[in-house]
Amino acid sequence: MTINVVDKALLWMSGLQAYIGVEVGQVNHVVLMCGDPFRVQLIADQLEGVVEIAHRREYRMVNGSYKGRPITACSHGVGCPSIAIAVEETSPRRRKAVHSRRKLCDATTTYQCP
């Protein structure tokens, strides 16, 4: 039996992310995160030029802009492992991630994570 080892560092360089299914260049530098995939639509309603770029299980992701600033909205589902996957796959270069904390993220306000 042969075991193939995957170097996760190489996954960031090209190809689709393992769980969310987006490529590195598809995610904007500002990412609004929420737990419920249906809440992504509420965020998208506040954006212009919205395009859904992924929807796999609890992970739904859209790109749009607010006042000319590109924004990505992504759901992460329930639980720490799901959140860790979403943050890791949307922030290969440590992008600024904002979590909604039971409130709809409003792109007009800068939220500070507790």
N, C-alpha and C. Protein backbone atom coordinates (compact mmCIF):
# COMPACT_ATOMS: atom_id res chain seq x y z
N MET A 1 0.84 -1.17 0.00
CA MET A 1 0.00 0.00 0.00
C MET A 1 0.89 1.24 0.00
N THR A 2 0.56 2.18 -0.87
CA THR A 2 1.30 3.43 -0.95
C THR A 2 0.48 4.55 -0.34
N ILE A 3 1.13 5.34 0.49
CA ILE A 3 0.47 6.48 1.11
C ILE A 3 0.98 7.75 0.44
N ASN A 4 0.06 8.53 -0.09
CA ASN A 4 0.43 9.80 -0.70
C ASN A 4 0.36 10.90 0.34
N VAL A 5 1.43 11.65 0.46
CA VAL A 5 1.49 12.76 1.40
C VAL A 5 1.19 14.04 0.64
N VAL A 6 0.27 14.84 1.18
CA VAL A 6 -0.09 16.11 0.56
C VAL A 6 0.54 17.25 1.34
N ASP A 7 1.30 18.06 0.66
CA ASP A 7 1.89 19.24 1.29
C ASP A 7 0.89 20.38 1.18
N LYS A 8 0.26 20.77 2.31
CA LYS A 8 -0.77 21.80 2.28
C LYS A 8 -0.23 23.13 1.82
N ALA A 9 1.05 23.37 1.99
CA ALA A 9 1.64 24.63 1.52
C ALA A 9 1.49 24.76 0.01
N LEU A 10 1.55 23.65 -0.70
CA LEU A 10 1.41 23.69 -2.15
C LEU A 10 -0.04 23.92 -2.58
N LEU A 11 -1.01 23.52 -1.73
CA LEU A 11 -2.41 23.73 -2.07
C LEU A 11 -2.74 25.21 -2.17
N TRP A 12 -2.03 26.04 -1.39
CA TRP A 12 -2.29 27.47 -1.43
C TRP A 12 -1.78 28.09 -2.72
N MET A 13 -0.84 27.48 -3.37
CA MET A 13 -0.22 28.07 -4.53
C MET A 13 -1.07 27.92 -5.79
N SER A 14 -1.80 26.83 -5.92
CA SER A 14 -2.63 26.64 -7.10
C SER A 14 -3.71 25.61 -6.80
N GLY A 15 -4.73 25.60 -7.64
CA GLY A 15 -5.79 24.61 -7.50
C GLY A 15 -6.86 25.03 -6.51
N LEU A 16 -7.90 24.21 -6.44
CA LEU A 16 -9.02 24.49 -5.55
C LEU A 16 -8.68 24.13 -4.12
N GLN A 17 -9.26 24.89 -3.19
CA GLN A 17 -9.11 24.56 -1.78
C GLN A 17 -9.91 23.29 -1.49
N ALA A 18 -9.47 22.52 -0.54
CA ALA A 18 -10.01 21.18 -0.30
C ALA A 18 -11.49 21.17 0.08
N TYR A 19 -11.94 22.06 0.95
CA TYR A 19 -13.31 22.00 1.44
C TYR A 19 -14.23 23.03 0.80
N ILE A 20 -13.79 24.27 0.71
CA ILE A 20 -14.66 25.32 0.18
C ILE A 20 -14.70 25.29 -1.34
N GLY A 21 -13.61 24.94 -1.98
CA GLY A 21 -13.59 24.79 -3.42
C GLY A 21 -13.38 26.08 -4.19
N VAL A 22 -12.58 26.99 -3.65
CA VAL A 22 -12.24 28.22 -4.36
C VAL A 22 -10.74 28.25 -4.62
N GLU A 23 -10.36 29.00 -5.63
CA GLU A 23 -8.94 29.18 -5.90
C GLU A 23 -8.44 30.40 -5.15
N VAL A 24 -7.14 30.47 -4.97
CA VAL A 24 -6.53 31.54 -4.18
C VAL A 24 -6.95 32.92 -4.65
N GLY A 25 -6.96 33.19 -5.93
CA GLY A 25 -7.26 34.52 -6.44
C GLY A 25 -8.72 34.92 -6.36
N GLN A 26 -9.60 34.01 -5.99
CA GLN A 26 -11.03 34.30 -5.96
C GLN A 26 -11.49 35.00 -4.69
N VAL A 27 -10.69 34.95 -3.64
CA VAL A 27 -11.09 35.51 -2.34
C VAL A 27 -10.51 36.91 -2.20
N ASN A 28 -11.38 37.87 -1.84
CA ASN A 28 -10.95 39.25 -1.64
C ASN A 28 -10.20 39.39 -0.31
N HIS A 29 -9.56 40.53 -0.10
CA HIS A 29 -8.78 40.74 1.11
C HIS A 29 -9.65 40.95 2.34
N VAL A 30 -10.87 41.44 2.18
CA VAL A 30 -11.80 41.57 3.30
C VAL A 30 -12.82 40.46 3.19
N VAL A 31 -12.92 39.63 4.24
CA VAL A 31 -13.84 38.50 4.26
C VAL A 31 -14.78 38.67 5.45
N LEU A 32 -16.08 38.73 5.17
CA LEU A 32 -17.08 38.76 6.23
C LEU A 32 -17.54 37.33 6.45
N MET A 33 -17.49 36.85 7.70
CA MET A 33 -17.86 35.47 7.99
C MET A 33 -19.09 35.41 8.88
N CYS A 34 -19.92 34.41 8.59
CA CYS A 34 -21.10 34.16 9.40
C CYS A 34 -21.30 32.65 9.48
N GLY A 35 -22.07 32.20 10.45
CA GLY A 35 -22.26 30.76 10.63
C GLY A 35 -23.22 30.14 9.64
N ASP A 36 -24.37 30.76 9.45
CA ASP A 36 -25.45 30.20 8.65
C ASP A 36 -25.27 30.54 7.17
N PRO A 37 -25.28 29.53 6.28
CA PRO A 37 -25.16 29.80 4.85
C PRO A 37 -26.24 30.74 4.31
N PHE A 38 -27.44 30.72 4.91
CA PHE A 38 -28.51 31.59 4.45
C PHE A 38 -28.25 33.05 4.82
N ARG A 39 -27.43 33.29 5.82
CA ARG A 39 -27.08 34.66 6.20
C ARG A 39 -26.17 35.31 5.16
N VAL A 40 -25.46 34.51 4.38
CA VAL A 40 -24.62 35.05 3.30
C VAL A 40 -25.49 35.84 2.32
N GLN A 41 -26.72 35.37 2.08
CA GLN A 41 -27.61 36.09 1.18
C GLN A 41 -27.98 37.45 1.77
N LEU A 42 -28.15 37.54 3.07
CA LEU A 42 -28.46 38.83 3.71
C LEU A 42 -27.31 39.81 3.53
N ILE A 43 -26.10 39.30 3.63
CA ILE A 43 -24.92 40.14 3.40
C ILE A 43 -24.86 40.54 1.93
N ALA A 44 -25.11 39.58 1.05
CA ALA A 44 -25.05 39.83 -0.40
C ALA A 44 -26.06 40.90 -0.82
N ASP A 45 -27.19 40.97 -0.14
CA ASP A 45 -28.19 41.97 -0.47
C ASP A 45 -27.68 43.39 -0.26
N GLN A 46 -26.65 43.56 0.55
CA GLN A 46 -26.07 44.87 0.83
C GLN A 46 -24.94 45.22 -0.13
N LEU A 47 -24.54 44.26 -0.96
CA LEU A 47 -23.39 44.44 -1.86
C LEU A 47 -23.85 44.68 -3.29
N GLU A 48 -22.93 45.16 -4.11
CA GLU A 48 -23.18 45.36 -5.54
C GLU A 48 -22.37 44.35 -6.33
N GLY A 49 -22.88 43.96 -7.48
CA GLY A 49 -22.15 43.06 -8.37
C GLY A 49 -21.84 41.71 -7.74
N VAL A 50 -22.82 41.13 -7.07
CA VAL A 50 -22.61 39.90 -6.32
C VAL A 50 -22.51 38.70 -7.26
N VAL A 51 -21.51 37.85 -6.99
CA VAL A 51 -21.30 36.61 -7.73
C VAL A 51 -21.03 35.50 -6.72
N GLU A 52 -21.82 34.43 -6.79
CA GLU A 52 -21.54 33.28 -5.91
C GLU A 52 -20.38 32.51 -6.49
N ILE A 53 -19.34 32.30 -5.70
CA ILE A 53 -18.15 31.62 -6.20
C ILE A 53 -18.02 30.20 -5.66
N ALA A 54 -18.77 29.86 -4.61
CA ALA A 54 -18.72 28.50 -4.07
C ALA A 54 -19.92 28.25 -3.18
N HIS A 55 -20.36 26.99 -3.15
CA HIS A 55 -21.38 26.55 -2.20
C HIS A 55 -21.24 25.05 -2.02
N ARG A 56 -20.55 24.68 -0.97
CA ARG A 56 -20.35 23.27 -0.62
C ARG A 56 -20.70 23.07 0.84
N ARG A 57 -21.68 22.23 1.09
CA ARG A 57 -22.14 21.95 2.45
C ARG A 57 -22.41 23.25 3.20
N GLU A 58 -21.77 23.44 4.36
CA GLU A 58 -22.02 24.64 5.15
C GLU A 58 -21.26 25.87 4.65
N TYR A 59 -20.42 25.69 3.65
CA TYR A 59 -19.59 26.79 3.15
C TYR A 59 -20.24 27.40 1.90
N ARG A 60 -20.73 28.61 2.04
CA ARG A 60 -21.26 29.36 0.90
C ARG A 60 -20.46 30.65 0.81
N MET A 61 -20.01 31.00 -0.40
CA MET A 61 -19.15 32.16 -0.56
C MET A 61 -19.59 32.98 -1.75
N VAL A 62 -19.66 34.32 -1.53
CA VAL A 62 -19.99 35.25 -2.59
C VAL A 62 -18.98 36.39 -2.60
N ASN A 63 -18.78 36.95 -3.77
CA ASN A 63 -17.97 38.16 -3.92
C ASN A 63 -18.88 39.29 -4.35
N GLY A 64 -18.57 40.48 -3.88
CA GLY A 64 -19.30 41.67 -4.27
C GLY A 64 -18.49 42.88 -3.86
N SER A 65 -19.11 44.05 -3.94
CA SER A 65 -18.41 45.26 -3.49
C SER A 65 -19.37 46.17 -2.76
N TYR A 66 -18.81 46.94 -1.86
CA TYR A 66 -19.57 47.93 -1.12
C TYR A 66 -18.82 49.25 -1.21
N LYS A 67 -19.45 50.24 -1.82
CA LYS A 67 -18.83 51.55 -2.05
C LYS A 67 -17.49 51.39 -2.75
N GLY A 68 -17.45 50.47 -3.72
CA GLY A 68 -16.25 50.26 -4.52
C GLY A 68 -15.20 49.36 -3.90
N ARG A 69 -15.42 48.92 -2.67
CA ARG A 69 -14.44 48.06 -2.00
C ARG A 69 -14.84 46.59 -2.15
N PRO A 70 -13.95 45.76 -2.74
CA PRO A 70 -14.29 44.33 -2.92
C PRO A 70 -14.36 43.60 -1.60
N ILE A 71 -15.42 42.80 -1.46
CA ILE A 71 -15.68 42.07 -0.22
C ILE A 71 -16.10 40.65 -0.56
N THR A 72 -15.65 39.69 0.24
CA THR A 72 -16.11 38.31 0.14
C THR A 72 -16.90 37.98 1.40
N ALA A 73 -18.05 37.34 1.24
CA ALA A 73 -18.83 36.85 2.37
C ALA A 73 -18.80 35.33 2.35
N CYS A 74 -18.55 34.73 3.51
CA CYS A 74 -18.40 33.27 3.59
C CYS A 74 -19.07 32.74 4.86
N SER A 75 -19.83 31.67 4.72
CA SER A 75 -20.39 31.01 5.90
C SER A 75 -19.46 29.88 6.32
N HIS A 76 -19.51 29.54 7.60
CA HIS A 76 -18.62 28.49 8.10
C HIS A 76 -19.33 27.36 8.82
N GLY A 77 -20.63 27.45 8.98
CA GLY A 77 -21.33 26.37 9.66
C GLY A 77 -21.14 26.44 11.17
N VAL A 78 -21.32 25.28 11.82
CA VAL A 78 -21.29 25.21 13.28
C VAL A 78 -20.05 24.49 13.77
N GLY A 79 -19.45 24.99 14.81
CA GLY A 79 -18.35 24.30 15.46
C GLY A 79 -16.98 24.82 15.09
N CYS A 80 -16.07 24.66 16.02
CA CYS A 80 -14.70 25.15 15.84
C CYS A 80 -13.98 24.54 14.63
N PRO A 81 -14.10 23.25 14.36
CA PRO A 81 -13.40 22.71 13.18
C PRO A 81 -13.86 23.35 11.88
N SER A 82 -15.17 23.59 11.74
CA SER A 82 -15.69 24.22 10.53
C SER A 82 -15.18 25.66 10.40
N ILE A 83 -15.16 26.36 11.51
CA ILE A 83 -14.65 27.74 11.50
C ILE A 83 -13.17 27.75 11.13
N ALA A 84 -12.41 26.83 11.69
CA ALA A 84 -10.97 26.76 11.39
C ALA A 84 -10.73 26.51 9.91
N ILE A 85 -11.51 25.62 9.32
CA ILE A 85 -11.37 25.34 7.88
C ILE A 85 -11.68 26.58 7.07
N ALA A 86 -12.77 27.27 7.39
CA ALA A 86 -13.16 28.46 6.63
C ALA A 86 -12.10 29.55 6.73
N VAL A 87 -11.59 29.78 7.92
CA VAL A 87 -10.58 30.82 8.10
C VAL A 87 -9.30 30.44 7.36
N GLU A 88 -8.90 29.19 7.48
CA GLU A 88 -7.67 28.75 6.83
C GLU A 88 -7.76 28.83 5.31
N GLU A 89 -8.89 28.41 4.76
CA GLU A 89 -9.01 28.38 3.30
C GLU A 89 -9.33 29.73 2.68
N THR A 90 -9.79 30.68 3.47
CA THR A 90 -10.04 32.02 2.93
C THR A 90 -8.92 32.99 3.24
N SER A 91 -7.97 32.58 4.06
CA SER A 91 -6.92 33.53 4.45
C SER A 91 -5.51 32.94 4.31
N PRO A 92 -5.12 32.54 3.11
CA PRO A 92 -3.77 31.99 2.96
C PRO A 92 -2.68 33.02 3.24
N ARG A 93 -3.03 34.29 3.13
CA ARG A 93 -2.04 35.34 3.43
C ARG A 93 -2.47 36.15 4.64
N ARG A 94 -3.18 35.53 5.55
CA ARG A 94 -3.65 36.18 6.78
C ARG A 94 -4.51 37.41 6.48
N ARG A 95 -5.49 37.22 5.61
CA ARG A 95 -6.41 38.31 5.30
C ARG A 95 -7.21 38.68 6.54
N LYS A 96 -7.72 39.89 6.55
CA LYS A 96 -8.55 40.35 7.65
C LYS A 96 -9.89 39.62 7.58
N ALA A 97 -10.23 38.87 8.59
CA ALA A 97 -11.50 38.16 8.64
C ALA A 97 -12.37 38.75 9.74
N VAL A 98 -13.62 38.99 9.44
CA VAL A 98 -14.54 39.57 10.40
C VAL A 98 -15.65 38.56 10.64
N HIS A 99 -15.92 38.26 11.89
CA HIS A 99 -16.95 37.29 12.24
C HIS A 99 -18.18 38.04 12.73
N SER A 100 -19.35 37.58 12.32
CA SER A 100 -20.58 38.32 12.60
C SER A 100 -21.05 38.24 14.05
N ARG A 101 -20.76 37.19 14.76
CA ARG A 101 -21.18 37.03 16.15
C ARG A 101 -22.67 37.29 16.35
N ARG A 102 -23.50 36.51 15.64
CA ARG A 102 -24.95 36.55 15.76
C ARG A 102 -25.56 37.84 15.25
N LYS A 103 -24.80 38.67 14.58
CA LYS A 103 -25.33 39.89 13.98
C LYS A 103 -24.98 39.88 12.50
N LEU A 104 -25.83 40.48 11.71
CA LEU A 104 -25.52 40.61 10.29
C LEU A 104 -24.35 41.56 10.15
N CYS A 105 -23.33 41.12 9.43
CA CYS A 105 -22.18 41.99 9.20
C CYS A 105 -22.60 43.14 8.31
N ASP A 106 -22.28 44.33 8.71
CA ASP A 106 -22.58 45.51 7.93
C ASP A 106 -21.26 46.06 7.43
N ALA A 107 -21.10 46.09 6.12
CA ALA A 107 -19.82 46.48 5.53
C ALA A 107 -19.49 47.94 5.77
N THR A 108 -20.46 48.72 6.31
CA THR A 108 -20.19 50.13 6.55
C THR A 108 -19.46 50.35 7.87
N THR A 109 -19.44 49.34 8.72
CA THR A 109 -18.86 49.49 10.05
C THR A 109 -17.66 48.59 10.19
N THR A 110 -16.63 49.05 10.86
CA THR A 110 -15.47 48.22 11.14
C THR A 110 -15.72 47.52 12.47
N TYR A 111 -15.77 46.19 12.44
CA TYR A 111 -15.99 45.42 13.64
C TYR A 111 -14.66 44.99 14.23
N GLN A 112 -14.59 44.96 15.53
CA GLN A 112 -13.42 44.46 16.22
C GLN A 112 -13.77 43.09 16.79
N CYS A 113 -12.98 42.09 16.46
CA CYS A 113 -13.25 40.76 16.99
C CYS A 113 -12.93 40.73 18.47
N PRO A 114 -13.83 40.16 19.31
CA PRO A 114 -13.58 40.13 20.78
C PRO A 114 -12.44 39.20 21.11
